[in-house]
Amino acid sequence: LDYASVKQHCPSMIYGEITGYGKKGPWSPMPGQDLLVQSLSGLAWLNGNQNQPPTPMGLSVADLFAGQHLAQGILAALIKRASCGEGSYVHVSMLESVMDMQFEVFTTYLNDGGQSPERSAVNNANGYINAPYGIYQTLDGYLAIAMVPVPVLGKLISCDSLIGYTDSETWCTRRDEIKSLLADHLKTRTTEYWLSKLEPADVWCADVYTWDKLFKTDGFKELDMLQTVRTPGGTEFATTRCPITIDREHYKSAKAAPAIGQHNNQYIYYKENQHGTDYLF
């Protein structure tokens, strides 16, 4: 069932395929497994602090992004077929998808003299973004702070040691020094206290939730994100719904993914009355 054979019988067929590292080259026979792809792509050197070993992401991001890219390619091929009647061969590799996922930092690397991203030794969150960007421990939890001028942040949280960093260059060159001062200061008060100071000033900041805490929030409840799915064997389990809303409608389905081989001997015969064309699915 390779594409060339299928195309002979059905030129309008849209054929999709995912590989680990492409169809050609020395890596093509290698196993396309998520952790291995993350490791080869450089992604593991973006996570964790500078003094820590390479750290993979806690999600199967190579699998997820490759699947999304394949779906996007198939949708593009459907539009092509609708306009000219021709099929397409859509191919995605996991490595290409992970490189695309890193496009922001990778583009900086390519256009900044090949300077590799340097993980901060203190509360790292992005190898190229200046202080104070990161997640910090508070008296009772954690606080995420994104981009904000360091002296402005210092005044808002009454941290005098930060107010003197008026030269924005130092937010990069003395990043770890600044983040260390901030980290020590934020430990003295609760997350809620710091949010009460920063949010009214329109500083980009947030609590750092566990799933238990997230599920109890009104913001999460408003999304109506959960659904119940039933397997062919009758087991029920909760999971997330389709994240896309169309015409204000959330799409849910109780139908689970099929078991291996479930449909091998099941055929649905459909007669299209309007055109008199038979389809076999």
Protein backbone atom coordinates (compact mmCIF):
# COMPACT_ATOMS: atom_id res chain seq x y z
CA LEU A 1 0.00 0.00 0.00
CA ASP A 2 2.81 2.43 -0.80
CA TYR A 3 1.79 5.70 -2.42
CA ALA A 4 2.96 4.81 -5.94
CA SER A 5 0.84 1.63 -5.94
CA VAL A 6 -2.22 3.36 -4.48
CA LYS A 7 -1.95 6.25 -6.95
CA GLN A 8 -2.12 3.87 -9.91
CA HIS A 9 -5.56 2.71 -8.77
CA CYS A 10 -6.79 6.05 -7.45
CA PRO A 11 -5.00 9.19 -8.73
CA SER A 12 -7.18 11.40 -6.52
CA MET A 13 -6.06 9.65 -3.33
CA ILE A 14 -4.59 11.79 -0.55
CA TYR A 15 -1.90 9.73 1.13
CA GLY A 16 -0.40 10.77 4.47
CA GLU A 17 2.71 9.41 6.16
CA ILE A 18 4.83 10.24 9.22
CA THR A 19 8.45 9.13 9.59
CA GLY A 20 11.03 9.81 12.24
CA TYR A 21 13.71 11.57 10.19
CA GLY A 22 12.56 11.67 6.57
CA LYS A 23 12.52 9.17 3.73
CA LYS A 24 16.18 9.56 2.73
CA GLY A 25 19.53 10.03 4.40
CA PRO A 26 21.50 8.18 7.07
CA TRP A 27 18.89 8.72 9.77
CA SER A 28 15.91 7.38 7.82
CA PRO A 29 16.21 3.80 9.21
CA MET A 30 16.47 5.00 12.81
CA PRO A 31 13.54 4.54 15.23
CA GLY A 32 11.23 7.56 15.22
CA GLN A 33 10.52 7.71 18.94
CA ASP A 34 9.58 10.91 20.77
CA LEU A 35 12.38 11.04 23.36
CA LEU A 36 15.00 10.23 20.74
CA VAL A 37 13.72 12.95 18.40
CA GLN A 38 13.68 15.51 21.21
CA SER A 39 17.26 14.58 22.07
CA LEU A 40 18.57 14.84 18.51
CA SER A 41 16.77 18.12 17.78
CA GLY A 42 18.49 20.22 20.46
CA LEU A 43 15.21 20.73 22.31
CA ALA A 44 16.49 19.11 25.50
CA TRP A 45 19.09 21.88 25.89
CA LEU A 46 16.38 24.55 26.18
CA ASN A 47 14.80 23.15 29.36
CA GLY A 48 16.05 23.22 32.93
CA ASN A 49 18.71 25.45 34.42
CA GLN A 50 22.26 25.95 33.16
CA ASN A 51 23.81 23.61 35.73
CA GLN A 52 21.38 20.80 34.95
CA PRO A 53 21.75 18.10 32.29
CA PRO A 54 19.71 18.25 29.07
CA THR A 55 16.05 17.94 30.04
CA PRO A 56 13.32 16.62 27.73
CA MET A 57 9.85 18.10 27.82
CA GLY A 58 7.34 16.20 29.93
CA LEU A 59 5.04 15.67 26.94
CA SER A 60 5.38 13.67 23.71
CA VAL A 61 5.75 16.88 21.73
CA ALA A 62 7.33 15.26 18.66
CA ASP A 63 4.34 12.93 18.32
CA LEU A 64 1.84 15.74 18.93
CA PHE A 65 3.31 18.28 16.52
CA ALA A 66 3.96 15.73 13.77
CA GLY A 67 0.32 14.63 13.96
CA GLN A 68 -0.90 18.22 13.76
CA HIS A 69 1.36 18.99 10.82
CA LEU A 70 0.16 15.89 8.98
CA ALA A 71 -3.47 16.93 9.54
CA GLN A 72 -2.69 20.42 8.22
CA GLY A 73 -1.00 18.97 5.16
CA ILE A 74 -3.97 16.69 4.46
CA LEU A 75 -6.36 19.65 4.76
CA ALA A 76 -4.24 21.56 2.24
CA ALA A 77 -4.32 18.54 -0.07
CA LEU A 78 -8.11 18.37 0.21
CA ILE A 79 -8.35 21.99 -0.92
CA LYS A 80 -6.03 21.22 -3.83
CA ARG A 81 -8.11 18.21 -4.84
CA ALA A 82 -11.32 20.23 -4.67
CA SER A 83 -9.86 22.76 -7.10
CA CYS A 84 -8.10 20.49 -9.61
CA GLY A 85 -9.12 16.90 -8.81
CA GLU A 86 -5.58 15.69 -8.12
CA GLY A 87 -4.46 13.74 -5.09
CA SER A 88 -1.30 14.34 -3.07
CA TYR A 89 1.35 12.57 -1.07
CA VAL A 90 1.73 14.34 2.29
CA HIS A 91 4.83 13.48 4.30
CA VAL A 92 5.87 14.78 7.72
CA SER A 93 8.89 13.79 9.79
CA MET A 94 8.97 14.10 13.55
CA LEU A 95 12.36 15.84 13.45
CA GLU A 96 11.12 18.51 11.02
CA SER A 97 8.09 19.09 13.22
CA VAL A 98 10.22 19.54 16.36
CA MET A 99 12.55 21.92 14.51
CA ASP A 100 9.50 23.91 13.39
CA MET A 101 8.28 23.93 16.99
CA GLN A 102 11.57 25.60 17.96
CA PHE A 103 11.34 28.17 15.16
CA GLU A 104 11.47 31.21 17.46
CA VAL A 105 14.70 30.39 19.27
CA PHE A 106 16.19 28.57 16.26
CA THR A 107 15.65 31.61 14.02
CA THR A 108 17.42 33.75 16.62
CA TYR A 109 20.34 31.31 16.53
CA LEU A 110 20.50 31.39 12.72
CA ASN A 111 20.43 35.19 12.54
CA ASP A 112 22.49 36.10 15.59
CA GLY A 113 25.91 34.85 14.62
CA GLY A 114 25.26 31.27 15.62
CA GLN A 115 25.21 32.11 19.33
CA SER A 116 23.68 29.12 21.09
CA PRO A 117 20.94 29.82 23.63
CA GLU A 118 22.38 30.00 27.13
CA ARG A 119 20.13 28.63 29.83
CA SER A 120 19.96 30.82 32.88
CA ALA A 121 21.48 29.31 36.00
CA VAL A 122 18.59 30.77 38.00
CA ASN A 123 14.93 29.99 37.24
CA ASN A 124 15.49 29.40 33.52
CA ALA A 125 12.48 29.67 31.21
CA ASN A 126 13.99 30.81 27.89
CA GLY A 127 17.60 30.84 26.77
CA TYR A 128 17.28 34.11 24.86
CA ILE A 129 14.94 36.20 27.03
CA ASN A 130 16.27 38.66 29.61
CA ALA A 131 15.56 38.84 33.32
CA PRO A 132 13.13 38.57 35.02
CA TYR A 133 11.52 35.96 32.74
CA GLY A 134 10.93 32.76 34.76
CA ILE A 135 9.08 30.96 37.54
CA TYR A 136 9.93 31.87 41.13
CA GLN A 137 9.20 30.33 44.51
CA THR A 138 7.07 32.37 46.89
CA LEU A 139 6.26 31.91 50.58
CA ASP A 140 3.47 29.44 49.77
CA GLY A 141 3.85 28.46 46.13
CA TYR A 142 5.21 29.76 42.83
CA LEU A 143 4.86 32.83 40.63
CA ALA A 144 5.52 33.17 36.89
CA ILE A 145 6.78 36.54 35.65
CA ALA A 146 7.20 37.32 31.96
CA MET A 147 8.59 40.51 30.38
CA VAL A 148 8.72 43.66 32.53
CA PRO A 149 11.43 46.33 32.95
CA VAL A 150 13.54 45.37 35.95
CA PRO A 151 13.44 48.79 37.71
CA VAL A 152 9.66 48.94 37.27
CA LEU A 153 9.34 45.49 38.81
CA GLY A 154 11.62 46.52 41.66
CA LYS A 155 9.42 49.49 42.54
CA LEU A 156 6.20 47.49 42.37
CA ILE A 157 7.41 44.81 44.75
CA SER A 158 9.52 47.18 46.94
CA CYS A 159 12.79 45.46 46.05
CA ASP A 160 15.33 48.29 46.18
CA SER A 161 18.19 46.14 44.91
CA LEU A 162 16.47 45.86 41.49
CA ILE A 163 15.76 49.55 40.99
CA GLY A 164 19.37 50.34 40.09
CA TYR A 165 19.37 48.16 36.95
CA THR A 166 18.31 51.03 34.67
CA ASP A 167 20.47 49.92 31.72
CA SER A 168 18.44 47.36 29.79
CA GLU A 169 21.67 45.72 28.57
CA THR A 170 22.27 44.47 32.09
CA TRP A 171 18.98 42.58 32.05
CA CYS A 172 20.79 40.22 29.68
CA THR A 173 24.46 40.48 30.70
CA ARG A 174 23.65 40.28 34.44
CA ARG A 175 20.57 38.10 34.07
CA ASP A 176 21.42 35.52 36.72
CA GLU A 177 22.45 38.19 39.20
CA ILE A 178 19.13 39.99 38.79
CA LYS A 179 17.10 36.81 38.95
CA SER A 180 18.89 35.70 42.12
CA LEU A 181 18.00 38.98 43.85
CA LEU A 182 14.40 38.67 42.68
CA ALA A 183 14.17 35.01 43.73
CA ASP A 184 15.27 35.79 47.27
CA HIS A 185 12.84 38.69 47.55
CA LEU A 186 9.80 36.81 46.27
CA LYS A 187 10.21 34.09 48.90
CA THR A 188 9.22 36.58 51.60
CA ARG A 189 5.53 36.87 50.63
CA THR A 190 2.71 34.71 49.31
CA THR A 191 1.83 34.29 45.65
CA GLU A 192 -1.51 36.04 46.20
CA TYR A 193 0.26 39.03 47.74
CA TRP A 194 2.60 39.46 44.78
CA LEU A 195 -0.26 39.06 42.30
CA SER A 196 -2.14 41.82 44.13
CA LYS A 197 0.81 44.14 43.49
CA LEU A 198 1.62 43.15 39.92
CA GLU A 199 -1.71 42.46 38.21
CA PRO A 200 -3.18 45.97 38.79
CA ALA A 201 -0.01 47.38 37.18
CA ASP A 202 -0.61 45.19 34.08
CA VAL A 203 2.53 43.14 34.66
CA TRP A 204 2.39 39.78 32.88
CA CYS A 205 2.38 37.32 35.75
CA ALA A 206 0.48 34.24 36.93
CA ASP A 207 0.11 31.69 39.66
CA VAL A 208 1.58 28.27 38.85
CA TYR A 209 -1.23 25.75 39.16
CA THR A 210 -1.29 22.04 39.69
CA TRP A 211 -4.08 20.26 37.79
CA ASP A 212 -6.05 19.92 41.04
CA LYS A 213 -5.99 23.67 41.54
CA LEU A 214 -6.63 24.43 37.88
CA PHE A 215 -9.78 22.27 37.78
CA LYS A 216 -11.31 24.26 40.64
CA THR A 217 -10.96 27.64 38.91
CA ASP A 218 -13.87 29.40 37.21
CA GLY A 219 -11.65 30.08 34.20
CA PHE A 220 -11.14 26.39 33.53
CA LYS A 221 -14.75 25.51 34.23
CA GLU A 222 -15.89 28.11 31.69
CA LEU A 223 -13.96 26.31 28.94
CA ASP A 224 -16.10 23.14 29.30
CA MET A 225 -12.97 21.22 28.36
CA LEU A 226 -13.78 17.72 29.62
CA GLN A 227 -15.82 14.89 28.15
CA THR A 228 -16.53 11.22 28.85
CA VAL A 229 -15.45 8.59 26.30
CA ARG A 230 -16.60 4.96 26.10
CA THR A 231 -14.39 2.23 24.69
CA PRO A 232 -15.75 -0.64 22.54
CA GLY A 233 -15.51 -2.83 25.65
CA GLY A 234 -17.75 -0.50 27.63
CA THR A 235 -15.11 1.20 29.79
CA GLU A 236 -15.70 4.90 30.42
CA PHE A 237 -13.01 7.48 31.08
CA ALA A 238 -12.76 11.26 31.23
CA THR A 239 -10.54 13.16 28.81
CA THR A 240 -10.34 16.46 26.96
CA ARG A 241 -12.69 17.48 24.16
CA CYS A 242 -11.74 18.91 20.77
CA PRO A 243 -10.10 22.29 21.51
CA ILE A 244 -11.58 23.99 18.43
CA THR A 245 -14.81 25.99 18.73
CA ILE A 246 -16.79 26.60 15.53
CA ASP A 247 -19.83 28.87 15.48
CA ARG A 248 -19.69 28.92 19.29
CA GLU A 249 -20.11 25.15 19.48
CA HIS A 250 -17.84 22.84 21.50
CA TYR A 251 -17.33 19.48 19.85
CA LYS A 252 -17.56 16.38 22.04
CA SER A 253 -17.90 12.69 21.29
CA ALA A 254 -18.28 9.63 23.46
CA LYS A 255 -16.61 7.52 20.77
CA ALA A 256 -13.16 6.20 21.69
CA ALA A 257 -10.28 5.43 19.37
CA PRO A 258 -10.77 1.98 17.81
CA ALA A 259 -8.98 -1.08 19.12
CA ILE A 260 -6.32 -2.54 16.83
CA GLY A 261 -8.07 -4.44 14.05
CA GLN A 262 -11.53 -3.43 15.21
CA HIS A 263 -12.69 -2.42 11.73
CA ASN A 264 -10.80 -4.97 9.64
CA ASN A 265 -13.99 -6.88 8.84
CA GLN A 266 -16.46 -4.03 9.07
CA TYR A 267 -17.58 -2.28 5.90
CA ILE A 268 -20.04 0.51 5.53
CA TYR A 269 -21.60 0.72 2.12
CA TYR A 270 -22.87 4.13 1.16
CA LYS A 271 -24.86 5.10 -1.92
CA GLU A 272 -24.71 8.76 -2.84
CA ASN A 273 -28.20 9.32 -4.23
CA GLN A 274 -27.54 12.63 -5.88
CA HIS A 275 -24.74 11.50 -8.17
CA GLY A 276 -25.31 7.77 -8.21
CA THR A 277 -21.75 7.11 -7.10
CA ASP A 278 -20.88 4.20 -4.84
CA TYR A 279 -18.32 4.57 -2.08
CA LEU A 280 -16.80 1.77 -0.06
CA PHE A 281 -15.36 2.78 3.32
